[in-house]
Structures are given as C-alpha cells and as structure tokens.
C-alpha atoms as a PDB file:
ATOM      1  CA  MET A   1      62.061 261.278 271.072  1.00  0.00           C
ATOM      2  CA  ALA A   2      64.056 262.467 268.048  1.00  0.00           C
ATOM      3  CA  HIS A   3      63.933 259.982 265.184  1.00  0.00           C
ATOM      4  CA  ARG A   4      66.909 260.174 262.895  1.00  0.00           C
ATOM      5  CA  LYS A   5      66.749 258.658 259.466  1.00  0.00           C
ATOM      6  CA  GLU A   6      69.958 256.721 258.556  1.00  0.00           C
ATOM      7  CA  ILE A   7      68.494 254.963 255.433  1.00  0.00           C
ATOM      8  CA  SER A   8      66.585 256.370 252.529  1.00  0.00           C
ATOM      9  CA  THR A   9      62.920 255.583 251.891  1.00  0.00           C
ATOM     10  CA  ALA A  10      63.927 253.966 248.601  1.00  0.00           C
ATOM     11  CA  LEU A  11      66.341 251.616 250.375  1.00  0.00           C
ATOM     12  CA  TRP A  12      63.779 250.743 253.042  1.00  0.00           C
ATOM     13  CA  LYS A  13      61.270 249.842 250.260  1.00  0.00           C
ATOM     14  CA  ARG A  14      63.799 247.351 248.853  1.00  0.00           C
ATOM     15  CA  ILE A  15      64.628 245.867 252.320  1.00  0.00           C
ATOM     16  CA  HIS A  16      61.210 245.746 253.892  1.00  0.00           C
ATOM     17  CA  PRO A  17      59.813 242.833 251.810  1.00  0.00           C
ATOM     18  CA  LEU A  18      62.867 240.730 252.696  1.00  0.00           C
ATOM     19  CA  ILE A  19      62.447 241.055 256.532  1.00  0.00           C
ATOM     20  CA  PRO A  20      60.592 238.146 258.080  1.00  0.00           C
ATOM     21  CA  VAL A  21      57.224 238.967 259.660  1.00  0.00           C
ATOM     22  CA  VAL A  22      57.316 238.223 263.418  1.00  0.00           C
ATOM     23  CA  PRO A  23      53.921 237.760 265.076  1.00  0.00           C
ATOM     24  CA  PRO A  24      53.242 239.519 268.280  1.00  0.00           C
ATOM     25  CA  SER A  25      54.163 237.612 271.365  1.00  0.00           C
ATOM     26  CA  ARG A  26      51.243 235.902 273.183  1.00  0.00           C
ATOM     27  CA  LYS A  27      53.121 236.376 276.457  1.00  0.00           C
ATOM     28  CA  GLY A  28      52.825 240.095 276.311  1.00  0.00           C
ATOM     29  CA  GLY A  29      55.783 242.164 277.355  1.00  0.00           C
ATOM     30  CA  ARG A  30      57.252 245.261 275.774  1.00  0.00           C
ATOM     31  CA  PRO A  31      55.983 246.303 272.375  1.00  0.00           C
ATOM     32  CA  ARG A  32      58.371 245.294 269.564  1.00  0.00           C
ATOM     33  CA  VAL A  33      60.470 248.174 268.098  1.00  0.00           C
ATOM     34  CA  ASP A  34      59.475 248.615 264.515  1.00  0.00           C
ATOM     35  CA  ASP A  35      61.837 247.165 261.923  1.00  0.00           C
ATOM     36  CA  GLN A  36      62.579 250.503 260.151  1.00  0.00           C
ATOM     37  CA  SER A  37      63.696 252.154 263.327  1.00  0.00           C
ATOM     38  CA  THR A  38      65.833 249.078 264.255  1.00  0.00           C
ATOM     39  CA  LEU A  39      67.462 249.107 260.787  1.00  0.00           C
ATOM     40  CA  ASN A  40      68.301 252.756 261.282  1.00  0.00           C
ATOM     41  CA  GLY A  41      69.917 251.816 264.605  1.00  0.00           C
ATOM     42  CA  ILE A  42      71.978 249.120 263.035  1.00  0.00           C
ATOM     43  CA  VAL A  43      73.204 251.505 260.272  1.00  0.00           C
ATOM     44  CA  TYR A  44      73.966 254.155 262.910  1.00  0.00           C
ATOM     45  CA  VAL A  45      76.092 251.759 264.854  1.00  0.00           C
ATOM     46  CA  LEU A  46      77.832 250.514 261.741  1.00  0.00           C
ATOM     47  CA  ARG A  47      78.501 254.039 260.497  1.00  0.00           C
ATOM     48  CA  THR A  48      79.779 255.540 263.748  1.00  0.00           C
ATOM     49  CA  GLY A  49      81.695 252.509 265.058  1.00  0.00           C
ATOM     50  CA  ILE A  50      80.191 252.852 268.489  1.00  0.00           C
ATOM     51  CA  ALA A  51      79.567 249.816 270.660  1.00  0.00           C
ATOM     52  CA  TRP A  52      76.125 248.355 270.470  1.00  0.00           C
ATOM     53  CA  GLU A  53      75.462 249.116 274.153  1.00  0.00           C
ATOM     54  CA  ASP A  54      76.390 252.757 273.541  1.00  0.00           C
ATOM     55  CA  LEU A  55      73.605 253.427 271.083  1.00  0.00           C
ATOM     56  CA  PRO A  56      71.808 256.468 272.445  1.00  0.00           C
ATOM     57  CA  GLN A  57      68.201 255.680 273.387  1.00  0.00           C
ATOM     58  CA  GLU A  58      67.106 259.233 272.596  1.00  0.00           C
ATOM     59  CA  LEU A  59      67.586 258.471 268.893  1.00  0.00           C
ATOM     60  CA  GLY A  60      64.516 256.277 268.935  1.00  0.00           C
ATOM     61  CA  TYR A  61      66.076 253.193 267.437  1.00  0.00           C
ATOM     62  CA  GLY A  62      65.537 250.863 270.375  1.00  0.00           C
ATOM     63  CA  SER A  63      68.357 249.513 272.489  1.00  0.00           C
ATOM     64  CA  GLY A  64      71.725 248.516 271.045  1.00  0.00           C
ATOM     65  CA  MET A  65      70.961 244.885 272.143  1.00  0.00           C
ATOM     66  CA  THR A  66      67.664 245.047 270.251  1.00  0.00           C
ATOM     67  CA  CYS A  67      69.388 246.234 267.124  1.00  0.00           C
ATOM     68  CA  TRP A  68      72.193 243.631 267.484  1.00  0.00           C
ATOM     69  CA  ARG A  69      69.689 240.789 267.926  1.00  0.00           C
ATOM     70  CA  ARG A  70      67.643 241.933 264.891  1.00  0.00           C
ATOM     71  CA  LEU A  71      70.802 242.140 262.812  1.00  0.00           C
ATOM     72  CA  ARG A  72      71.622 238.592 263.895  1.00  0.00           C
ATOM     73  CA  ASP A  73      68.107 237.313 263.173  1.00  0.00           C
ATOM     74  CA  TRP A  74      67.991 238.996 259.728  1.00  0.00           C
ATOM     75  CA  GLN A  75      71.453 237.574 258.887  1.00  0.00           C
ATOM     76  CA  ALA A  76      70.238 234.076 259.882  1.00  0.00           C
ATOM     77  CA  ALA A  77      67.093 234.616 257.735  1.00  0.00           C
ATOM     78  CA  GLY A  78      69.140 235.535 254.707  1.00  0.00           C
ATOM     79  CA  VAL A  79      67.976 239.099 254.385  1.00  0.00           C
ATOM     80  CA  TRP A  80      71.354 240.554 253.481  1.00  0.00           C
ATOM     81  CA  HIS A  81      72.102 237.729 251.030  1.00  0.00           C
ATOM     82  CA  ARG A  82      68.779 238.251 249.224  1.00  0.00           C
ATOM     83  CA  LEU A  83      69.307 242.023 249.203  1.00  0.00           C
ATOM     84  CA  HIS A  84      72.724 241.597 247.547  1.00  0.00           C
ATOM     85  CA  GLN A  85      71.235 239.124 245.011  1.00  0.00           C
ATOM     86  CA  GLY A  86      68.676 241.794 244.043  1.00  0.00           C
ATOM     87  CA  SER A  87      65.616 239.890 245.284  1.00  0.00           C
END
C-alpha cells in the first residue's frame, strides 16, 4: 500500500497533541486507522475536491467515510479551533 504524505512532519507535531485519545474498542472489530494517515486523507480530499467516497483505498488513508467521521469528531472536539488559536 502506497502511503502519500499530504502534511509535513512539523504540522503533524503541532496537531497531534490536540487530537483526543480514543481507547481501543472492547468489542473488537477492525483496527483503527492511525490519526496521521486519516489526517492525510482529509487533506487529500480537501485539496483535490473529490467526494469522500471516492478517496482511493490504495493511498493508505483509510476509507473516505473514516476520514469524514474523524474530521467531524475532531471538529466537535475543538481540534481545529485550538490549532488556529496556537494551542
């Protein structure tokens, strides 16, 4: 699986501490896609303007729905607001 990098390491280091920690599910299921890959998927969709469901799986970002849900969850958690505030 080819992993593209849409965001820089420096930006990831600023964003990572702002992202809420989600404990593993006790129910099992699929392993959670890592946050950095998901963020790269979000940025890819926003840069290219493709629909979430058209995010190519071979890029290694997870599904478009996973990226969309993570974007929604991070918005609700105030990640983007805190990033813009410089926290």
